[in-house]
Structure formats: C-alpha cells, structure tokens
C-alpha cells in the first residue's frame, strides 16, 4: 500500500484508537519507507494524557531509519479552527529529533468524535513537494492532480 496523504494515515490509525465505539487516548504512529509504502502501524501509548513530550523517545525508539523514511502521528485532540498549539510545538520537537536520523514527519492528525484535522498536509505533494524528495510517482500524482482541477471551481451554476 502506498500512502498518498494524511487521510491514509488517519484511516490506518483509527482502528487502533477506538474501543467499544469510543475514542481512546491512544497515540498511533504510522511509518512508511522511501517509496511511501506502509511499513508499520504502532500504538505508542494507550494513554496520551494531552502531551506528546513523554512519548517522543518511544516514537524515536520505534522508528527504524534503515527501513522508515516517513511517518505520521495520530491522536485524540481538540479539532476546529484553532488547533492546540502545545501539540504543534511538541510535534516540531519530534520533527527535529526524527530529522537527525533522516526520517520525515509528514502527517500530524488530531481526531475528535466525528471529526479530525491535521497540522501537516493532507496531500504530501501539495505541502512538501519542494522540501522533500518523494518517490517519482508522487510527482506524477501531483501533476495529474493539478491538470484535473478545472480553472474555475465556482459551482453556483450547478
């Protein structure tokens, strides 16, 4: 399976975040290789108590730089127009730690009951194509996506 965006990471993580139909406090890590092929799905913690900081070393211990090139994290959190800034700052710290070993954090998603939002891009090639070296297929997805978007997105006539 090739991960095409943050949505894929969220969908892979969700089954590990719900128990008896209820959202838990799980922190889930999804890893991918250089070709964005799924490498693993890990429950880092069943009890993320509102902070990523206590889990940063565990995430770094799970990552295998020889296999993993990209990763994403998913956890319960406040969604909406104003994301929790502590999570953003903590994810930046994680990003720095992972960068030291050559792994990129490309997705950071919060999940609430029936909604979710992401701090990092839902579409990797739109958010990061100039920053990171993605597999060649990502470039063709980006170009084909751009070509398929009509010049006008005004749907008021329909």
N, C-alpha and C. Protein backbone atom coordinates (compact mmCIF):
# COMPACT_ATOMS: atom_id res chain seq x y z
N UNK A 1 0.84 -1.18 0.00
CA UNK A 1 0.00 0.00 0.00
C UNK A 1 0.89 1.24 0.00
N UNK A 2 0.62 2.16 -0.91
CA UNK A 2 1.34 3.42 -0.97
C UNK A 2 0.48 4.48 -0.29
N UNK A 3 1.07 5.18 0.67
CA UNK A 3 0.36 6.22 1.39
C UNK A 3 0.36 7.48 0.54
N UNK A 4 -0.83 7.96 0.21
CA UNK A 4 -0.94 9.11 -0.69
C UNK A 4 -1.18 10.42 0.04
N UNK A 5 -1.54 10.38 1.29
CA UNK A 5 -1.80 11.61 2.02
C UNK A 5 -2.13 11.34 3.47
N UNK A 6 -2.30 12.43 4.22
CA UNK A 6 -2.62 12.31 5.63
C UNK A 6 -3.89 11.53 5.89
N UNK A 7 -4.83 11.60 4.94
CA UNK A 7 -6.07 10.85 5.08
C UNK A 7 -5.77 9.35 5.23
N UNK A 8 -4.83 8.84 4.44
CA UNK A 8 -4.46 7.42 4.52
C UNK A 8 -3.92 7.09 5.91
N UNK A 9 -3.08 7.95 6.43
CA UNK A 9 -2.51 7.71 7.76
C UNK A 9 -3.61 7.71 8.81
N UNK A 10 -4.53 8.65 8.71
CA UNK A 10 -5.65 8.69 9.66
C UNK A 10 -6.47 7.41 9.59
N UNK A 11 -6.80 6.97 8.38
CA UNK A 11 -7.62 5.78 8.22
C UNK A 11 -6.93 4.53 8.77
N UNK A 12 -5.62 4.45 8.62
CA UNK A 12 -4.88 3.31 9.16
C UNK A 12 -4.83 3.34 10.68
N UNK A 13 -4.79 4.53 11.25
CA UNK A 13 -4.67 4.67 12.70
C UNK A 13 -6.00 4.48 13.44
N UNK A 14 -7.10 4.89 12.81
CA UNK A 14 -8.40 4.90 13.51
C UNK A 14 -8.78 3.58 14.18
N UNK A 15 -8.60 2.42 13.53
CA UNK A 15 -8.99 1.18 14.21
C UNK A 15 -8.25 0.95 15.53
N UNK A 16 -7.11 1.58 15.70
CA UNK A 16 -6.32 1.42 16.92
C UNK A 16 -6.67 2.48 17.97
N UNK A 17 -7.57 3.39 17.61
CA UNK A 17 -7.89 4.50 18.50
C UNK A 17 -9.28 4.38 19.14
N UNK A 18 -10.06 3.44 18.69
CA UNK A 18 -11.42 3.28 19.22
C UNK A 18 -11.54 1.94 19.94
N UNK A 19 -12.24 1.96 21.05
CA UNK A 19 -12.54 0.73 21.79
C UNK A 19 -14.00 0.79 22.20
N UNK A 20 -14.74 -0.23 21.86
CA UNK A 20 -16.18 -0.28 22.15
C UNK A 20 -16.89 0.96 21.62
N UNK A 21 -16.48 1.41 20.44
CA UNK A 21 -17.12 2.56 19.81
C UNK A 21 -16.73 3.91 20.37
N UNK A 22 -15.80 3.94 21.29
CA UNK A 22 -15.39 5.20 21.92
C UNK A 22 -13.93 5.51 21.59
N UNK A 23 -13.69 6.78 21.35
CA UNK A 23 -12.34 7.26 21.09
C UNK A 23 -11.51 7.14 22.36
N UNK A 24 -10.35 6.54 22.24
CA UNK A 24 -9.45 6.39 23.38
C UNK A 24 -8.37 7.49 23.32
N UNK A 25 -7.47 7.45 24.27
CA UNK A 25 -6.36 8.40 24.31
C UNK A 25 -5.10 7.82 23.65
N UNK A 26 -5.30 6.91 22.71
CA UNK A 26 -4.16 6.28 22.05
C UNK A 26 -3.38 7.28 21.19
N UNK A 27 -2.10 7.06 21.14
CA UNK A 27 -1.20 7.77 20.24
C UNK A 27 -0.68 6.73 19.25
N UNK A 28 -0.95 6.93 17.96
CA UNK A 28 -0.61 5.95 16.95
C UNK A 28 0.43 6.53 16.00
N UNK A 29 1.42 5.72 15.68
CA UNK A 29 2.48 6.07 14.74
C UNK A 29 2.35 5.18 13.51
N UNK A 30 2.37 5.79 12.33
CA UNK A 30 2.33 5.05 11.07
C UNK A 30 3.62 5.38 10.33
N UNK A 31 4.33 4.34 9.88
CA UNK A 31 5.61 4.55 9.20
C UNK A 31 5.56 4.07 7.76
N UNK A 32 6.39 4.71 6.94
CA UNK A 32 6.47 4.36 5.52
C UNK A 32 7.92 4.41 5.07
N UNK A 33 8.22 3.63 4.04
CA UNK A 33 9.58 3.63 3.51
C UNK A 33 9.77 4.77 2.50
N UNK A 34 10.89 4.81 1.84
CA UNK A 34 11.23 5.86 0.89
C UNK A 34 10.21 5.96 -0.25
N UNK A 35 9.57 4.86 -0.61
CA UNK A 35 8.57 4.85 -1.67
C UNK A 35 7.15 5.08 -1.14
N UNK A 36 7.07 5.52 0.12
CA UNK A 36 5.79 5.75 0.80
C UNK A 36 4.93 4.49 0.88
N UNK A 37 5.59 3.34 0.96
CA UNK A 37 4.89 2.09 1.19
C UNK A 37 4.80 1.87 2.70
N UNK A 38 3.63 1.46 3.15
CA UNK A 38 3.40 1.24 4.57
C UNK A 38 4.43 0.28 5.14
N UNK A 39 5.05 0.67 6.25
CA UNK A 39 5.99 -0.19 6.95
C UNK A 39 5.41 -0.72 8.26
N UNK A 40 4.65 0.13 8.96
CA UNK A 40 4.10 -0.33 10.24
C UNK A 40 3.11 0.63 10.84
N UNK A 41 2.27 0.07 11.70
CA UNK A 41 1.31 0.84 12.48
C UNK A 41 1.54 0.45 13.94
N UNK A 42 1.84 1.44 14.78
CA UNK A 42 2.22 1.17 16.16
C UNK A 42 1.39 2.01 17.12
N UNK A 43 0.87 1.37 18.16
CA UNK A 43 0.25 2.12 19.24
C UNK A 43 1.38 2.48 20.20
N UNK A 44 1.75 3.74 20.17
CA UNK A 44 2.86 4.22 21.00
C UNK A 44 2.43 4.24 22.46
N UNK A 45 1.19 4.65 22.69
CA UNK A 45 0.66 4.70 24.05
C UNK A 45 -0.86 4.58 24.01
N UNK A 46 -1.40 3.92 25.00
CA UNK A 46 -2.85 3.84 25.15
C UNK A 46 -3.37 5.04 25.94
N UNK A 47 -2.45 5.76 26.58
CA UNK A 47 -2.86 6.85 27.46
C UNK A 47 -2.04 8.10 27.20
N UNK A 48 -2.30 8.74 26.09
CA UNK A 48 -1.65 10.02 25.82
C UNK A 48 -2.45 11.07 26.58
N UNK A 49 -1.86 11.62 27.59
CA UNK A 49 -2.60 12.49 28.51
C UNK A 49 -2.52 13.98 28.15
N UNK A 50 -2.57 14.28 26.86
CA UNK A 50 -2.59 15.67 26.46
C UNK A 50 -1.24 16.24 26.07
N UNK A 51 -0.21 15.41 26.06
CA UNK A 51 1.11 15.91 25.69
C UNK A 51 1.87 14.84 24.92
N UNK A 52 2.52 15.27 23.86
CA UNK A 52 3.38 14.36 23.10
C UNK A 52 4.73 14.15 23.78
N UNK A 53 5.16 15.13 24.56
CA UNK A 53 6.52 15.14 25.11
C UNK A 53 6.92 13.83 25.80
N UNK A 54 6.10 13.25 26.67
CA UNK A 54 6.53 12.00 27.32
C UNK A 54 6.70 10.82 26.35
N UNK A 55 6.21 10.97 25.13
CA UNK A 55 6.22 9.86 24.18
C UNK A 55 7.26 10.02 23.06
N UNK A 56 7.96 11.14 23.07
CA UNK A 56 8.91 11.41 21.98
C UNK A 56 10.00 10.35 21.89
N UNK A 57 10.57 9.95 23.02
CA UNK A 57 11.65 8.96 22.97
C UNK A 57 11.11 7.60 22.53
N UNK A 58 9.89 7.24 22.92
CA UNK A 58 9.30 5.97 22.49
C UNK A 58 9.09 5.97 20.98
N UNK A 59 8.59 7.08 20.45
CA UNK A 59 8.42 7.18 19.00
C UNK A 59 9.76 7.01 18.30
N UNK A 60 10.77 7.69 18.80
CA UNK A 60 12.10 7.60 18.19
C UNK A 60 12.67 6.18 18.30
N UNK A 61 12.35 5.47 19.38
CA UNK A 61 12.82 4.09 19.54
C UNK A 61 12.13 3.15 18.56
N UNK A 62 10.88 3.42 18.22
CA UNK A 62 10.13 2.56 17.29
C UNK A 62 10.64 2.75 15.86
N UNK A 63 10.98 3.96 15.50
CA UNK A 63 11.44 4.27 14.15
C UNK A 63 12.71 3.50 13.83
N UNK A 64 12.73 2.90 12.64
CA UNK A 64 13.92 2.20 12.15
C UNK A 64 14.43 2.95 10.92
N UNK A 65 15.43 3.82 11.10
CA UNK A 65 15.90 4.62 9.97
C UNK A 65 16.35 3.80 8.75
N UNK A 66 16.74 2.55 8.96
CA UNK A 66 17.13 1.72 7.82
C UNK A 66 15.94 1.31 6.97
N UNK A 67 14.73 1.34 7.54
CA UNK A 67 13.51 0.97 6.82
C UNK A 67 12.57 2.14 6.61
N UNK A 68 12.49 3.02 7.61
CA UNK A 68 11.49 4.09 7.61
C UNK A 68 12.09 5.39 7.08
N UNK A 69 11.36 6.05 6.19
CA UNK A 69 11.78 7.36 5.68
C UNK A 69 10.78 8.44 6.06
N UNK A 70 9.51 8.05 6.23
CA UNK A 70 8.44 8.99 6.54
C UNK A 70 7.56 8.41 7.65
N UNK A 71 6.90 9.30 8.39
CA UNK A 71 5.97 8.81 9.40
C UNK A 71 4.90 9.87 9.66
N UNK A 72 3.85 9.42 10.33
CA UNK A 72 2.78 10.30 10.76
C UNK A 72 2.30 9.88 12.12
N UNK A 73 1.78 10.82 12.87
CA UNK A 73 1.21 10.52 14.18
C UNK A 73 -0.25 10.94 14.20
N UNK A 74 -1.04 10.16 14.94
CA UNK A 74 -2.47 10.43 15.06
C UNK A 74 -2.83 10.25 16.53
N UNK A 75 -3.62 11.19 17.07
CA UNK A 75 -4.05 11.09 18.46
C UNK A 75 -5.33 11.88 18.66
N UNK A 76 -5.97 11.65 19.79
CA UNK A 76 -7.16 12.42 20.14
C UNK A 76 -6.72 13.84 20.45
N UNK A 77 -7.57 14.79 20.15
CA UNK A 77 -7.24 16.17 20.45
C UNK A 77 -8.34 17.10 20.02
N UNK A 78 -8.17 18.33 20.36
CA UNK A 78 -9.16 19.34 20.01
C UNK A 78 -9.05 19.66 18.53
N UNK A 79 -10.16 19.61 17.82
CA UNK A 79 -10.17 19.98 16.42
C UNK A 79 -10.92 21.28 16.26
N UNK A 80 -10.83 21.85 15.10
CA UNK A 80 -11.53 23.09 14.83
C UNK A 80 -10.60 24.13 14.25
N UNK A 81 -11.07 25.36 14.20
CA UNK A 81 -10.27 26.40 13.54
C UNK A 81 -8.99 26.76 14.28
N UNK A 82 -8.93 26.50 15.59
CA UNK A 82 -7.73 26.83 16.35
C UNK A 82 -7.16 25.55 16.97
N UNK A 83 -6.14 24.96 16.34
CA UNK A 83 -5.57 23.74 16.90
C UNK A 83 -4.82 24.02 18.20
N UNK A 84 -4.59 22.99 18.96
CA UNK A 84 -3.87 23.11 20.22
C UNK A 84 -2.40 23.39 19.92
N UNK A 85 -1.93 24.56 20.32
CA UNK A 85 -0.57 24.97 19.99
C UNK A 85 0.49 24.12 20.67
N UNK A 86 0.19 23.56 21.85
CA UNK A 86 1.17 22.70 22.50
C UNK A 86 1.51 21.50 21.63
N UNK A 87 0.48 20.89 21.01
CA UNK A 87 0.73 19.75 20.13
C UNK A 87 1.60 20.16 18.95
N UNK A 88 1.35 21.34 18.42
CA UNK A 88 2.13 21.80 17.27
C UNK A 88 3.59 21.96 17.66
N UNK A 89 3.85 22.61 18.78
CA UNK A 89 5.22 22.80 19.25
C UNK A 89 5.91 21.47 19.55
N UNK A 90 5.18 20.57 20.19
CA UNK A 90 5.75 19.26 20.51
C UNK A 90 6.04 18.45 19.25
N UNK A 91 5.17 18.56 18.26
CA UNK A 91 5.40 17.85 17.00
C UNK A 91 6.61 18.43 16.29
N UNK A 92 6.84 19.73 16.41
CA UNK A 92 8.03 20.33 15.82
C UNK A 92 9.29 19.77 16.49
N UNK A 93 9.21 19.55 17.79
CA UNK A 93 10.33 18.94 18.50
C UNK A 93 10.57 17.52 17.99
N UNK A 94 9.48 16.75 17.83
CA UNK A 94 9.58 15.40 17.29
C UNK A 94 10.18 15.44 15.88
N UNK A 95 9.71 16.36 15.08
CA UNK A 95 10.21 16.51 13.72
C UNK A 95 11.72 16.70 13.73
N UNK A 96 12.22 17.54 14.63
CA UNK A 96 13.67 17.77 14.74
C UNK A 96 14.42 16.52 15.13
N UNK A 97 13.88 15.75 16.08
CA UNK A 97 14.53 14.51 16.51
C UNK A 97 14.58 13.49 15.37
N UNK A 98 13.48 13.39 14.63
CA UNK A 98 13.43 12.44 13.52
C UNK A 98 14.34 12.86 12.38
N UNK A 99 14.42 14.15 12.15
CA UNK A 99 15.26 14.66 11.08
C UNK A 99 16.72 14.28 11.31
N UNK A 100 17.13 14.21 12.57
CA UNK A 100 18.51 13.83 12.91
C UNK A 100 18.86 12.43 12.40
N UNK A 101 17.85 11.56 12.27
CA UNK A 101 18.10 10.20 11.79
C UNK A 101 17.58 10.00 10.37
N UNK A 102 17.18 11.09 9.71
CA UNK A 102 16.79 11.02 8.31
C UNK A 102 15.35 10.60 8.05
N UNK A 103 14.48 10.74 9.04
CA UNK A 103 13.07 10.38 8.88
C UNK A 103 12.25 11.67 8.94
N UNK A 104 11.23 11.76 8.07
CA UNK A 104 10.40 12.97 8.00
C UNK A 104 9.02 12.73 8.59
N UNK A 105 8.60 13.63 9.47
CA UNK A 105 7.24 13.62 9.99
C UNK A 105 6.39 14.38 8.99
N UNK A 106 5.55 13.67 8.24
CA UNK A 106 4.78 14.32 7.18
C UNK A 106 3.30 14.42 7.49
N UNK A 107 2.87 13.88 8.62
CA UNK A 107 1.45 13.97 8.96
C UNK A 107 1.29 13.99 10.47
N UNK A 108 0.46 14.92 10.96
CA UNK A 108 0.15 15.04 12.38
C UNK A 108 -1.34 15.35 12.47
N UNK A 109 -2.09 14.38 12.94
CA UNK A 109 -3.55 14.48 12.88
C UNK A 109 -4.16 14.34 14.27
N UNK A 110 -5.15 15.20 14.55
CA UNK A 110 -5.96 15.11 15.78
C UNK A 110 -7.31 14.54 15.40
N UNK A 111 -7.82 13.68 16.23
CA UNK A 111 -9.13 13.09 15.98
C UNK A 111 -10.05 13.42 17.16
N UNK A 112 -11.25 13.86 16.84
CA UNK A 112 -12.30 14.07 17.84
C UNK A 112 -13.42 13.08 17.49
N UNK A 113 -14.52 13.13 18.18
CA UNK A 113 -15.57 12.12 17.99
C UNK A 113 -15.87 11.82 16.53
N UNK A 114 -16.34 12.80 15.80
CA UNK A 114 -16.71 12.55 14.41
C UNK A 114 -16.00 13.48 13.44
N UNK A 115 -14.93 14.08 13.87
CA UNK A 115 -14.20 15.00 13.01
C UNK A 115 -12.71 14.82 13.25
N UNK A 116 -11.93 15.42 12.41
CA UNK A 116 -10.49 15.35 12.54
C UNK A 116 -9.88 16.54 11.81
N UNK A 117 -8.67 16.87 12.18
CA UNK A 117 -7.95 17.91 11.46
C UNK A 117 -6.47 17.59 11.52
N UNK A 118 -5.73 18.18 10.65
CA UNK A 118 -4.31 17.91 10.58
C UNK A 118 -3.50 19.19 10.60
N UNK A 119 -2.38 19.13 11.28
CA UNK A 119 -1.47 20.27 11.31
C UNK A 119 -0.63 20.27 10.05
N UNK A 120 -0.25 19.10 9.63
CA UNK A 120 0.56 18.98 8.42
C UNK A 120 -0.35 18.58 7.28
N UNK A 121 0.17 18.58 6.08
CA UNK A 121 -0.65 18.42 4.88
C UNK A 121 -1.45 17.14 4.78
N UNK A 122 -2.61 17.28 4.20
CA UNK A 122 -3.41 16.12 3.86
C UNK A 122 -2.89 15.52 2.55
N UNK A 123 -2.27 16.36 1.72
CA UNK A 123 -1.74 15.93 0.45
C UNK A 123 -0.24 16.24 0.45
N UNK A 124 0.58 15.22 0.57
CA UNK A 124 2.01 15.43 0.73
C UNK A 124 2.62 16.22 -0.42
N UNK A 125 2.24 15.88 -1.65
CA UNK A 125 2.89 16.54 -2.78
C UNK A 125 2.49 18.00 -2.89
N UNK A 126 1.35 18.38 -2.33
CA UNK A 126 0.98 19.79 -2.32
C UNK A 126 1.73 20.55 -1.24
N UNK A 127 1.90 19.93 -0.09
CA UNK A 127 2.52 20.62 1.04
C UNK A 127 4.04 20.58 1.02
N UNK A 128 4.60 19.48 0.58
CA UNK A 128 6.04 19.27 0.78
C UNK A 128 6.83 18.98 -0.48
N UNK A 129 6.24 19.05 -1.64
CA UNK A 129 6.94 18.59 -2.85
C UNK A 129 8.24 19.34 -3.10
N UNK A 130 8.35 20.57 -2.68
CA UNK A 130 9.59 21.30 -2.88
C UNK A 130 10.61 21.09 -1.77
N UNK A 131 10.15 20.58 -0.62
CA UNK A 131 11.02 20.38 0.53
C UNK A 131 11.67 19.01 0.57
N UNK A 132 10.87 17.98 0.32
CA UNK A 132 11.32 16.61 0.49
C UNK A 132 11.43 15.91 -0.85
N UNK A 133 12.30 14.95 -0.89
CA UNK A 133 12.42 14.13 -2.09
C UNK A 133 11.47 12.95 -1.96
N UNK A 134 10.35 13.05 -2.66
CA UNK A 134 9.36 11.97 -2.63
C UNK A 134 9.60 11.02 -3.80
N UNK A 135 9.00 9.83 -3.76
CA UNK A 135 9.14 8.90 -4.87
C UNK A 135 8.66 9.55 -6.17
N UNK A 136 9.21 9.13 -7.32
CA UNK A 136 8.80 9.71 -8.59
C UNK A 136 7.30 9.65 -8.84
N UNK A 137 6.63 8.63 -8.32
CA UNK A 137 5.19 8.53 -8.53
C UNK A 137 4.46 9.72 -7.90
N UNK A 138 4.99 10.24 -6.81
CA UNK A 138 4.34 11.38 -6.17
C UNK A 138 4.32 12.58 -7.10
N UNK A 139 5.39 12.78 -7.87
CA UNK A 139 5.42 13.91 -8.80
C UNK A 139 4.35 13.74 -9.88
N UNK A 140 4.17 12.52 -10.37
CA UNK A 140 3.14 12.33 -11.39
C UNK A 140 1.75 12.50 -10.79
N UNK A 141 1.54 12.09 -9.52
CA UNK A 141 0.25 12.32 -8.88
C UNK A 141 0.00 13.82 -8.77
N UNK A 142 1.04 14.55 -8.40
CA UNK A 142 0.89 16.00 -8.26
C UNK A 142 0.51 16.63 -9.58
N UNK A 143 1.22 16.29 -10.64
CA UNK A 143 0.93 16.87 -11.95
C UNK A 143 -0.46 16.46 -12.42
N UNK A 144 -0.82 15.20 -12.25
CA UNK A 144 -2.13 14.77 -12.73
C UNK A 144 -3.24 15.43 -11.91
N UNK A 145 -3.00 15.64 -10.63
CA UNK A 145 -4.00 16.31 -9.80
C UNK A 145 -4.17 17.75 -10.24
N UNK A 146 -3.05 18.42 -10.53
CA UNK A 146 -3.13 19.81 -10.97
C UNK A 146 -3.83 19.92 -12.32
N UNK A 147 -3.58 18.97 -13.20
CA UNK A 147 -4.19 19.02 -14.53
C UNK A 147 -5.68 18.74 -14.47
N UNK A 148 -6.13 17.99 -13.47
CA UNK A 148 -7.54 17.63 -13.41
C UNK A 148 -8.40 18.68 -12.70
N UNK A 149 -7.76 19.69 -12.11
CA UNK A 149 -8.52 20.73 -11.42
C UNK A 149 -8.97 21.76 -12.46
N UNK A 150 -10.28 21.98 -12.58
CA UNK A 150 -10.76 22.96 -13.55
C UNK A 150 -10.31 24.37 -13.17
N UNK A 151 -10.19 25.23 -14.17
CA UNK A 151 -9.75 26.60 -13.94
C UNK A 151 -10.69 27.32 -12.99
N UNK A 152 -11.98 27.07 -13.10
CA UNK A 152 -12.95 27.71 -12.22
C UNK A 152 -13.58 26.64 -11.34
N UNK A 153 -13.62 26.91 -10.06
CA UNK A 153 -14.26 25.96 -9.14
C UNK A 153 -15.59 26.49 -8.66
N UNK A 154 -16.13 27.49 -9.35
CA UNK A 154 -17.43 28.07 -8.99
C UNK A 154 -18.52 27.06 -9.37
N UNK A 155 -19.22 26.55 -8.40
CA UNK A 155 -20.25 25.55 -8.62
C UNK A 155 -21.65 26.13 -8.46
N UNK A 156 -21.75 27.45 -8.46
CA UNK A 156 -23.06 28.08 -8.23
C UNK A 156 -24.02 27.84 -9.39
N UNK A 157 -23.49 27.48 -10.56
CA UNK A 157 -24.34 27.26 -11.73
C UNK A 157 -24.95 25.87 -11.73
N UNK A 158 -24.46 24.97 -10.90
CA UNK A 158 -24.96 23.59 -10.90
C UNK A 158 -26.09 23.41 -9.94
